[in-house]
PDB file of all heavy atoms in Angstrom:
ATOM      1  N   SER A   1      -4.663  13.583 -33.129  1.00  0.00           N
ATOM      2  CA  SER A   1      -4.812  12.316 -32.277  1.00  0.00           C
ATOM      3  C   SER A   1      -3.468  12.068 -31.554  1.00  0.00           C
ATOM      4  O   SER A   1      -3.562  11.595 -30.432  1.00  0.00           O
ATOM      5  CB  SER A   1      -5.148  11.199 -33.184  1.00  0.00           C
ATOM      6  OG  SER A   1      -4.056  10.699 -34.061  1.00  0.00           O
ATOM      7  N   GLY A   2      -2.375  12.359 -32.280  1.00  0.00           N
ATOM      8  CA  GLY A   2      -1.080  12.225 -31.571  1.00  0.00           C
ATOM      9  C   GLY A   2      -0.935  13.155 -30.405  1.00  0.00           C
ATOM     10  O   GLY A   2      -0.395  12.780 -29.318  1.00  0.00           O
ATOM     11  N   SER A   3      -1.413  14.419 -30.555  1.00  0.00           N
ATOM     12  CA  SER A   3      -1.396  15.289 -29.458  1.00  0.00           C
ATOM     13  C   SER A   3      -2.271  14.872 -28.295  1.00  0.00           C
ATOM     14  O   SER A   3      -1.915  15.137 -27.157  1.00  0.00           O
ATOM     15  CB  SER A   3      -1.786  16.736 -29.931  1.00  0.00           C
ATOM     16  OG  SER A   3      -0.928  17.245 -30.959  1.00  0.00           O
ATOM     17  N   VAL A   4      -3.467  14.352 -28.636  1.00  0.00           N
ATOM     18  CA  VAL A   4      -4.414  13.986 -27.621  1.00  0.00           C
ATOM     19  C   VAL A   4      -3.753  12.797 -26.773  1.00  0.00           C
ATOM     20  O   VAL A   4      -3.851  12.872 -25.512  1.00  0.00           O
ATOM     21  CB  VAL A   4      -5.762  13.457 -28.226  1.00  0.00           C
ATOM     22  CG1 VAL A   4      -6.556  12.729 -27.235  1.00  0.00           C
ATOM     23  CG2 VAL A   4      -6.447  14.587 -28.891  1.00  0.00           C
ATOM     24  N   PHE A   5      -3.136  11.949 -27.414  1.00  0.00           N
ATOM     25  CA  PHE A   5      -2.452  10.825 -26.685  1.00  0.00           C
ATOM     26  C   PHE A   5      -1.415  11.343 -25.842  1.00  0.00           C
ATOM     27  O   PHE A   5      -1.304  10.915 -24.626  1.00  0.00           O
ATOM     28  CB  PHE A   5      -1.937   9.791 -27.610  1.00  0.00           C
ATOM     29  CG  PHE A   5      -1.367   8.562 -26.981  1.00  0.00           C
ATOM     30  CD1 PHE A   5      -2.178   7.405 -26.806  1.00  0.00           C
ATOM     31  CD2 PHE A   5      -0.059   8.462 -26.480  1.00  0.00           C
ATOM     32  CE1 PHE A   5      -1.672   6.270 -26.087  1.00  0.00           C
ATOM     33  CE2 PHE A   5       0.449   7.364 -25.865  1.00  0.00           C
ATOM     34  CZ  PHE A   5      -0.386   6.320 -25.631  1.00  0.00           C
ATOM     35  N   ILE A   6      -0.546  12.258 -26.218  1.00  0.00           N
ATOM     36  CA  ILE A   6       0.551  12.789 -25.419  1.00  0.00           C
ATOM     37  C   ILE A   6       0.057  13.485 -24.230  1.00  0.00           C
ATOM     38  O   ILE A   6       0.482  13.295 -23.090  1.00  0.00           O
ATOM     39  CB  ILE A   6       1.424  13.749 -26.203  1.00  0.00           C
ATOM     40  CG1 ILE A   6       2.192  12.937 -27.326  1.00  0.00           C
ATOM     41  CG2 ILE A   6       2.368  14.518 -25.381  1.00  0.00           C
ATOM     42  CD1 ILE A   6       2.961  13.770 -28.331  1.00  0.00           C
ATOM     43  N   ALA A   7      -1.070  14.341 -24.378  1.00  0.00           N
ATOM     44  CA  ALA A   7      -1.620  15.016 -23.268  1.00  0.00           C
ATOM     45  C   ALA A   7      -2.395  14.244 -22.246  1.00  0.00           C
ATOM     46  O   ALA A   7      -2.386  14.455 -21.018  1.00  0.00           O
ATOM     47  CB  ALA A   7      -2.590  16.137 -23.875  1.00  0.00           C
ATOM     48  N   LEU A   8      -3.074  13.087 -22.722  1.00  0.00           N
ATOM     49  CA  LEU A   8      -3.875  12.317 -21.778  1.00  0.00           C
ATOM     50  C   LEU A   8      -3.333  11.049 -21.243  1.00  0.00           C
ATOM     51  O   LEU A   8      -3.802  10.610 -20.215  1.00  0.00           O
ATOM     52  CB  LEU A   8      -5.205  12.006 -22.544  1.00  0.00           C
ATOM     53  CG  LEU A   8      -6.125  13.197 -23.011  1.00  0.00           C
ATOM     54  CD1 LEU A   8      -7.343  12.558 -23.578  1.00  0.00           C
ATOM     55  CD2 LEU A   8      -6.333  14.171 -21.909  1.00  0.00           C
ATOM     56  N   PHE A   9      -2.316  10.563 -21.887  1.00  0.00           N
ATOM     57  CA  PHE A   9      -1.699   9.299 -21.414  1.00  0.00           C
ATOM     58  C   PHE A   9      -1.225   9.226 -20.003  1.00  0.00           C
ATOM     59  O   PHE A   9      -1.537   8.318 -19.261  1.00  0.00           O
ATOM     60  CB  PHE A   9      -0.516   8.821 -22.388  1.00  0.00           C
ATOM     61  CG  PHE A   9       0.144   7.624 -21.881  1.00  0.00           C
ATOM     62  CD1 PHE A   9      -0.460   6.343 -22.119  1.00  0.00           C
ATOM     63  CD2 PHE A   9       1.377   7.642 -21.354  1.00  0.00           C
ATOM     64  CE1 PHE A   9       0.056   5.204 -21.757  1.00  0.00           C
ATOM     65  CE2 PHE A   9       1.990   6.489 -20.924  1.00  0.00           C
ATOM     66  CZ  PHE A   9       1.398   5.205 -21.236  1.00  0.00           C
ATOM     67  N   PRO A  10      -0.561  10.309 -19.501  1.00  0.00           N
ATOM     68  CA  PRO A  10      -0.126  10.256 -18.093  1.00  0.00           C
ATOM     69  C   PRO A  10      -1.277  10.137 -17.124  1.00  0.00           C
ATOM     70  O   PRO A  10      -1.181   9.431 -16.040  1.00  0.00           O
ATOM     71  CB  PRO A  10       0.646  11.595 -17.983  1.00  0.00           C
ATOM     72  CG  PRO A  10       1.080  11.962 -19.294  1.00  0.00           C
ATOM     73  CD  PRO A  10       0.028  11.549 -20.192  1.00  0.00           C
ATOM     74  N   PHE A  11      -2.286  10.888 -17.427  1.00  0.00           N
ATOM     75  CA  PHE A  11      -3.489  10.810 -16.560  1.00  0.00           C
ATOM     76  C   PHE A  11      -4.185   9.443 -16.564  1.00  0.00           C
ATOM     77  O   PHE A  11      -4.542   8.959 -15.542  1.00  0.00           O
ATOM     78  CB  PHE A  11      -4.483  11.867 -16.926  1.00  0.00           C
ATOM     79  CG  PHE A  11      -5.835  11.851 -16.252  1.00  0.00           C
ATOM     80  CD1 PHE A  11      -5.900  12.182 -14.876  1.00  0.00           C
ATOM     81  CD2 PHE A  11      -6.980  11.448 -16.901  1.00  0.00           C
ATOM     82  CE1 PHE A  11      -7.104  12.081 -14.278  1.00  0.00           C
ATOM     83  CE2 PHE A  11      -8.238  11.361 -16.265  1.00  0.00           C
ATOM     84  CZ  PHE A  11      -8.205  11.726 -14.842  1.00  0.00           C
ATOM     85  N   VAL A  12      -4.301   8.958 -17.765  1.00  0.00           N
ATOM     86  CA  VAL A  12      -4.955   7.655 -17.893  1.00  0.00           C
ATOM     87  C   VAL A  12      -4.127   6.543 -17.227  1.00  0.00           C
ATOM     88  O   VAL A  12      -4.615   5.641 -16.489  1.00  0.00           O
ATOM     89  CB  VAL A  12      -5.107   7.166 -19.356  1.00  0.00           C
ATOM     90  CG1 VAL A  12      -5.615   5.781 -19.542  1.00  0.00           C
ATOM     91  CG2 VAL A  12      -6.045   8.189 -20.118  1.00  0.00           C
ATOM     92  N   LEU A  13      -2.839   6.676 -17.379  1.00  0.00           N
ATOM     93  CA  LEU A  13      -1.895   5.699 -16.651  1.00  0.00           C
ATOM     94  C   LEU A  13      -2.024   5.828 -15.115  1.00  0.00           C
ATOM     95  O   LEU A  13      -2.057   4.790 -14.394  1.00  0.00           O
ATOM     96  CB  LEU A  13      -0.463   5.980 -17.060  1.00  0.00           C
ATOM     97  CG  LEU A  13       0.606   4.937 -16.561  1.00  0.00           C
ATOM     98  CD1 LEU A  13       0.522   3.667 -17.301  1.00  0.00           C
ATOM     99  CD2 LEU A  13       2.007   5.555 -16.593  1.00  0.00           C
ATOM    100  N   ALA A  14      -2.093   7.112 -14.650  1.00  0.00           N
ATOM    101  CA  ALA A  14      -2.188   7.190 -13.179  1.00  0.00           C
ATOM    102  C   ALA A  14      -3.501   6.691 -12.683  1.00  0.00           C
ATOM    103  O   ALA A  14      -3.613   6.139 -11.532  1.00  0.00           O
ATOM    104  CB  ALA A  14      -2.068   8.803 -12.887  1.00  0.00           C
ATOM    105  N   MET A  15      -4.573   6.918 -13.404  1.00  0.00           N
ATOM    106  CA  MET A  15      -5.851   6.408 -13.074  1.00  0.00           C
ATOM    107  C   MET A  15      -5.939   4.835 -13.042  1.00  0.00           C
ATOM    108  O   MET A  15      -6.552   4.227 -12.200  1.00  0.00           O
ATOM    109  CB  MET A  15      -6.952   6.901 -14.037  1.00  0.00           C
ATOM    110  CG  MET A  15      -7.280   8.336 -13.860  1.00  0.00           C
ATOM    111  SD  MET A  15      -8.320   8.698 -12.456  1.00  0.00           S
ATOM    112  CE  MET A  15      -9.853   7.837 -13.065  1.00  0.00           C
ATOM    113  N   SER A  16      -5.167   4.287 -13.981  1.00  0.00           N
ATOM    114  CA  SER A  16      -5.258   2.834 -14.212  1.00  0.00           C
ATOM    115  C   SER A  16      -4.360   2.005 -13.266  1.00  0.00           C
ATOM    116  O   SER A  16      -4.560   0.932 -12.811  1.00  0.00           O
ATOM    117  CB  SER A  16      -4.867   2.429 -15.556  1.00  0.00           C
ATOM    118  OG  SER A  16      -5.664   3.057 -16.515  1.00  0.00           O
ATOM    119  N   PHE A  17      -3.272   2.664 -12.809  1.00  0.00           N
ATOM    120  CA  PHE A  17      -2.310   1.988 -11.929  1.00  0.00           C
ATOM    121  C   PHE A  17      -1.977   2.791 -10.710  1.00  0.00           C
ATOM    122  O   PHE A  17      -0.810   3.010 -10.233  1.00  0.00           O
ATOM    123  CB  PHE A  17      -1.004   1.746 -12.721  1.00  0.00           C
ATOM    124  CG  PHE A  17      -1.165   0.798 -13.924  1.00  0.00           C
ATOM    125  CD1 PHE A  17      -1.352   1.428 -15.183  1.00  0.00           C
ATOM    126  CD2 PHE A  17      -1.169  -0.574 -13.863  1.00  0.00           C
ATOM    127  CE1 PHE A  17      -1.568   0.603 -16.310  1.00  0.00           C
ATOM    128  CE2 PHE A  17      -1.274  -1.285 -14.967  1.00  0.00           C
ATOM    129  CZ  PHE A  17      -1.518  -0.817 -16.215  1.00  0.00           C
ATOM    130  N   GLN A  18      -3.031   3.283 -10.048  1.00  0.00           N
ATOM    131  CA  GLN A  18      -2.830   4.241  -8.874  1.00  0.00           C
ATOM    132  C   GLN A  18      -2.229   3.554  -7.735  1.00  0.00           C
ATOM    133  O   GLN A  18      -1.619   4.329  -6.920  1.00  0.00           O
ATOM    134  CB  GLN A  18      -4.227   4.739  -8.520  1.00  0.00           C
ATOM    135  CG  GLN A  18      -5.281   3.676  -8.217  1.00  0.00           C
ATOM    136  CD  GLN A  18      -6.688   4.275  -8.032  1.00  0.00           C
ATOM    137  OE1 GLN A  18      -6.794   5.128  -7.210  1.00  0.00           O
ATOM    138  NE2 GLN A  18      -7.656   3.812  -8.806  1.00  0.00           N
ATOM    139  N   GLU A  19      -2.215   2.285  -7.575  1.00  0.00           N
ATOM    140  CA  GLU A  19      -1.655   1.674  -6.387  1.00  0.00           C
ATOM    141  C   GLU A  19      -0.209   1.221  -6.599  1.00  0.00           C
ATOM    142  O   GLU A  19       0.440   0.693  -5.653  1.00  0.00           O
ATOM    143  CB  GLU A  19      -2.456   0.383  -6.071  1.00  0.00           C
ATOM    144  CG  GLU A  19      -3.959   0.672  -5.728  1.00  0.00           C
ATOM    145  CD  GLU A  19      -4.183   1.655  -4.554  1.00  0.00           C
ATOM    146  OE1 GLU A  19      -3.311   1.624  -3.625  1.00  0.00           O
ATOM    147  OE2 GLU A  19      -5.130   2.349  -4.515  1.00  0.00           O
ATOM    148  N   THR A  20       0.390   1.503  -7.756  1.00  0.00           N
ATOM    149  CA  THR A  20       1.762   1.060  -7.993  1.00  0.00           C
ATOM    150  C   THR A  20       2.787   2.053  -7.380  1.00  0.00           C
ATOM    151  O   THR A  20       2.449   3.145  -6.983  1.00  0.00           O
ATOM    152  CB  THR A  20       2.065   0.983  -9.493  1.00  0.00           C
ATOM    153  OG1 THR A  20       1.856   2.282 -10.094  1.00  0.00           O
ATOM    154  CG2 THR A  20       1.085   0.006 -10.192  1.00  0.00           C
ATOM    155  N   GLU A  21       3.978   1.515  -7.216  1.00  0.00           N
ATOM    156  CA  GLU A  21       5.079   2.309  -6.564  1.00  0.00           C
ATOM    157  C   GLU A  21       5.450   3.499  -7.425  1.00  0.00           C
ATOM    158  O   GLU A  21       5.688   4.581  -6.886  1.00  0.00           O
ATOM    159  CB  GLU A  21       6.303   1.461  -6.374  1.00  0.00           C
ATOM    160  CG  GLU A  21       7.487   2.137  -5.671  1.00  0.00           C
ATOM    161  CD  GLU A  21       8.659   1.197  -5.449  1.00  0.00           C
ATOM    162  OE1 GLU A  21       8.493   0.000  -5.445  1.00  0.00           O
ATOM    163  OE2 GLU A  21       9.757   1.800  -5.307  1.00  0.00           O
ATOM    164  N   PHE A  22       5.328   3.302  -8.821  1.00  0.00           N
ATOM    165  CA  PHE A  22       5.676   4.375  -9.712  1.00  0.00           C
ATOM    166  C   PHE A  22       4.750   5.661  -9.451  1.00  0.00           C
ATOM    167  O   PHE A  22       5.303   6.738  -9.441  1.00  0.00           O
ATOM    168  CB  PHE A  22       5.638   3.904 -11.131  1.00  0.00           C
ATOM    169  CG  PHE A  22       5.814   5.018 -12.111  1.00  0.00           C
ATOM    170  CD1 PHE A  22       7.106   5.564 -12.333  1.00  0.00           C
ATOM    171  CD2 PHE A  22       4.769   5.538 -12.890  1.00  0.00           C
ATOM    172  CE1 PHE A  22       7.357   6.622 -13.266  1.00  0.00           C
ATOM    173  CE2 PHE A  22       4.972   6.567 -13.802  1.00  0.00           C
ATOM    174  CZ  PHE A  22       6.225   7.119 -13.960  1.00  0.00           C
ATOM    175  N   ILE A  23       3.478   5.380  -9.355  1.00  0.00           N
ATOM    176  CA  ILE A  23       2.514   6.461  -9.115  1.00  0.00           C
ATOM    177  C   ILE A  23       2.649   7.057  -7.739  1.00  0.00           C
ATOM    178  O   ILE A  23       2.788   8.316  -7.628  1.00  0.00           O
ATOM    179  CB  ILE A  23       1.072   5.903  -9.361  1.00  0.00           C
ATOM    180  CG1 ILE A  23       0.890   5.355 -10.768  1.00  0.00           C
ATOM    181  CG2 ILE A  23       0.120   7.134  -9.200  1.00  0.00           C
ATOM    182  CD1 ILE A  23       1.198   6.296 -11.941  1.00  0.00           C
ATOM    183  N   SER A  24       2.620   6.304  -6.715  1.00  0.00           N
ATOM    184  CA  SER A  24       2.588   6.755  -5.428  1.00  0.00           C
ATOM    185  C   SER A  24       4.000   7.291  -4.943  1.00  0.00           C
ATOM    186  O   SER A  24       3.998   8.422  -4.232  1.00  0.00           O
ATOM    187  CB  SER A  24       2.190   5.674  -4.421  1.00  0.00           C
ATOM    188  OG  SER A  24       3.148   4.589  -4.472  1.00  0.00           O
ATOM    189  N   GLU A  25       5.062   6.749  -5.415  1.00  0.00           N
ATOM    190  CA  GLU A  25       6.401   7.188  -4.938  1.00  0.00           C
ATOM    191  C   GLU A  25       7.066   8.161  -5.945  1.00  0.00           C
ATOM    192  O   GLU A  25       7.355   9.266  -5.629  1.00  0.00           O
ATOM    193  CB  GLU A  25       7.311   5.964  -4.755  1.00  0.00           C
ATOM    194  CG  GLU A  25       6.883   5.054  -3.536  1.00  0.00           C
ATOM    195  CD  GLU A  25       6.994   5.817  -2.237  1.00  0.00           C
ATOM    196  OE1 GLU A  25       7.898   6.676  -2.053  1.00  0.00           O
ATOM    197  OE2 GLU A  25       6.098   5.592  -1.344  1.00  0.00           O
ATOM    198  N   THR A  26       7.213   7.643  -7.179  1.00  0.00           N
ATOM    199  CA  THR A  26       8.018   8.428  -8.113  1.00  0.00           C
ATOM    200  C   THR A  26       7.287   9.773  -8.558  1.00  0.00           C
ATOM    201  O   THR A  26       7.792  10.836  -8.483  1.00  0.00           O
ATOM    202  CB  THR A  26       8.298   7.609  -9.402  1.00  0.00           C
ATOM    203  OG1 THR A  26       8.985   6.457  -9.067  1.00  0.00           O
ATOM    204  CG2 THR A  26       9.125   8.414 -10.415  1.00  0.00           C
ATOM    205  N   LEU A  27       5.993   9.606  -8.915  1.00  0.00           N
ATOM    206  CA  LEU A  27       5.191  10.770  -9.358  1.00  0.00           C
ATOM    207  C   LEU A  27       4.787  11.614  -8.293  1.00  0.00           C
ATOM    208  O   LEU A  27       4.945  12.820  -8.323  1.00  0.00           O
ATOM    209  CB  LEU A  27       3.968  10.335 -10.208  1.00  0.00           C
ATOM    210  CG  LEU A  27       4.227   9.644 -11.553  1.00  0.00           C
ATOM    211  CD1 LEU A  27       2.977   9.441 -12.275  1.00  0.00           C
ATOM    212  CD2 LEU A  27       5.287  10.416 -12.346  1.00  0.00           C
ATOM    213  N   VAL A  28       4.264  11.116  -7.139  1.00  0.00           N
ATOM    214  CA  VAL A  28       3.669  11.894  -6.052  1.00  0.00           C
ATOM    215  C   VAL A  28       4.691  12.291  -5.020  1.00  0.00           C
ATOM    216  O   VAL A  28       4.946  13.439  -4.852  1.00  0.00           O
ATOM    217  CB  VAL A  28       2.448  11.217  -5.440  1.00  0.00           C
ATOM    218  CG1 VAL A  28       1.881  12.034  -4.325  1.00  0.00           C
ATOM    219  CG2 VAL A  28       1.406  10.776  -6.377  1.00  0.00           C
ATOM    220  N   THR A  29       5.281  11.364  -4.376  1.00  0.00           N
ATOM    221  CA  THR A  29       6.257  11.595  -3.283  1.00  0.00           C
ATOM    222  C   THR A  29       7.515  12.412  -3.838  1.00  0.00           C
ATOM    223  O   THR A  29       7.890  13.369  -3.217  1.00  0.00           O
ATOM    224  CB  THR A  29       6.626  10.280  -2.563  1.00  0.00           C
ATOM    225  OG1 THR A  29       5.462   9.669  -2.187  1.00  0.00           O
ATOM    226  CG2 THR A  29       7.580  10.631  -1.347  1.00  0.00           C
ATOM    227  N   GLU A  30       8.072  11.866  -4.815  1.00  0.00           N
ATOM    228  CA  GLU A  30       9.316  12.437  -5.415  1.00  0.00           C
ATOM    229  C   GLU A  30       9.036  13.699  -6.261  1.00  0.00           C
ATOM    230  O   GLU A  30       9.893  14.412  -6.590  1.00  0.00           O
ATOM    231  CB  GLU A  30      10.170  11.464  -6.150  1.00  0.00           C
ATOM    232  CG  GLU A  30      10.711  10.333  -5.317  1.00  0.00           C
ATOM    233  CD  GLU A  30      11.546   9.400  -6.172  1.00  0.00           C
ATOM    234  OE1 GLU A  30      12.170   9.825  -7.164  1.00  0.00           O
ATOM    235  OE2 GLU A  30      11.434   8.137  -5.920  1.00  0.00           O
ATOM    236  N   GLY A  31       7.744  13.858  -6.546  1.00  0.00           N
ATOM    237  CA  GLY A  31       7.344  15.035  -7.289  1.00  0.00           C
ATOM    238  C   GLY A  31       7.561  15.079  -8.780  1.00  0.00           C
ATOM    239  O   GLY A  31       7.486  16.140  -9.466  1.00  0.00           O
ATOM    240  N   TYR A  32       7.901  13.866  -9.441  1.00  0.00           N
ATOM    241  CA  TYR A  32       8.127  13.778 -10.834  1.00  0.00           C
ATOM    242  C   TYR A  32       6.946  14.150 -11.697  1.00  0.00           C
ATOM    243  O   TYR A  32       7.086  14.387 -12.892  1.00  0.00           O
ATOM    244  CB  TYR A  32       8.703  12.424 -11.144  1.00  0.00           C
ATOM    245  CG  TYR A  32      10.244  12.376 -11.176  1.00  0.00           C
ATOM    246  CD1 TYR A  32      10.816  12.111 -10.019  1.00  0.00           C
ATOM    247  CD2 TYR A  32      10.928  12.724 -12.299  1.00  0.00           C
ATOM    248  CE1 TYR A  32      12.312  12.100  -9.873  1.00  0.00           C
ATOM    249  CE2 TYR A  32      12.299  12.647 -12.274  1.00  0.00           C
ATOM    250  CZ  TYR A  32      13.012  12.348 -11.088  1.00  0.00           C
ATOM    251  OH  TYR A  32      14.424  12.347 -11.082  1.00  0.00           O
ATOM    252  N   TRP A  33       5.745  14.145 -11.126  1.00  0.00           N
ATOM    253  CA  TRP A  33       4.568  14.468 -11.920  1.00  0.00           C
ATOM    254  C   TRP A  33       4.715  15.852 -12.448  1.00  0.00           C
ATOM    255  O   TRP A  33       4.131  16.143 -13.509  1.00  0.00           O
ATOM    256  CB  TRP A  33       3.360  14.261 -11.081  1.00  0.00           C
ATOM    257  CG  TRP A  33       2.939  15.371 -10.161  1.00  0.00           C
ATOM    258  CD1 TRP A  33       3.314  15.545  -8.888  1.00  0.00           C
ATOM    259  CD2 TRP A  33       2.207  16.559 -10.477  1.00  0.00           C
ATOM    260  NE1 TRP A  33       2.812  16.693  -8.365  1.00  0.00           N
ATOM    261  CE2 TRP A  33       2.142  17.341  -9.331  1.00  0.00           C
ATOM    262  CE3 TRP A  33       1.491  16.979 -11.611  1.00  0.00           C
ATOM    263  CZ2 TRP A  33       1.444  18.533  -9.204  1.00  0.00           C
ATOM    264  CZ3 TRP A  33       0.861  18.179 -11.585  1.00  0.00           C
ATOM    265  CH2 TRP A  33       0.790  18.989 -10.398  1.00  0.00           C
ATOM    266  N   ARG A  34       5.396  16.697 -11.706  1.00  0.00           N
ATOM    267  CA  ARG A  34       5.543  18.097 -12.201  1.00  0.00           C
ATOM    268  C   ARG A  34       6.523  18.217 -13.413  1.00  0.00           C
ATOM    269  O   ARG A  34       6.531  19.281 -14.055  1.00  0.00           O
ATOM    270  CB  ARG A  34       6.113  19.016 -11.001  1.00  0.00           C
ATOM    271  CG  ARG A  34       5.179  19.137  -9.895  1.00  0.00           C
ATOM    272  CD  ARG A  34       5.675  20.105  -8.785  1.00  0.00           C
ATOM    273  NE  ARG A  34       4.794  20.140  -7.578  1.00  0.00           N
ATOM    274  CZ  ARG A  34       3.696  20.893  -7.615  1.00  0.00           C
ATOM    275  NH1 ARG A  34       3.337  21.625  -8.598  1.00  0.00           N
ATOM    276  NH2 ARG A  34       2.926  20.855  -6.468  1.00  0.00           N
TER     277      ARG A  34
END
């Protein structure tokens, strides 16, 4: 269950807060999602 949370949390967060600056700028534009 701990492994499942670690693997899925970033995706769930991105889905839930897709319009935020963190998702659009930090993760996508700056490439931190990699």
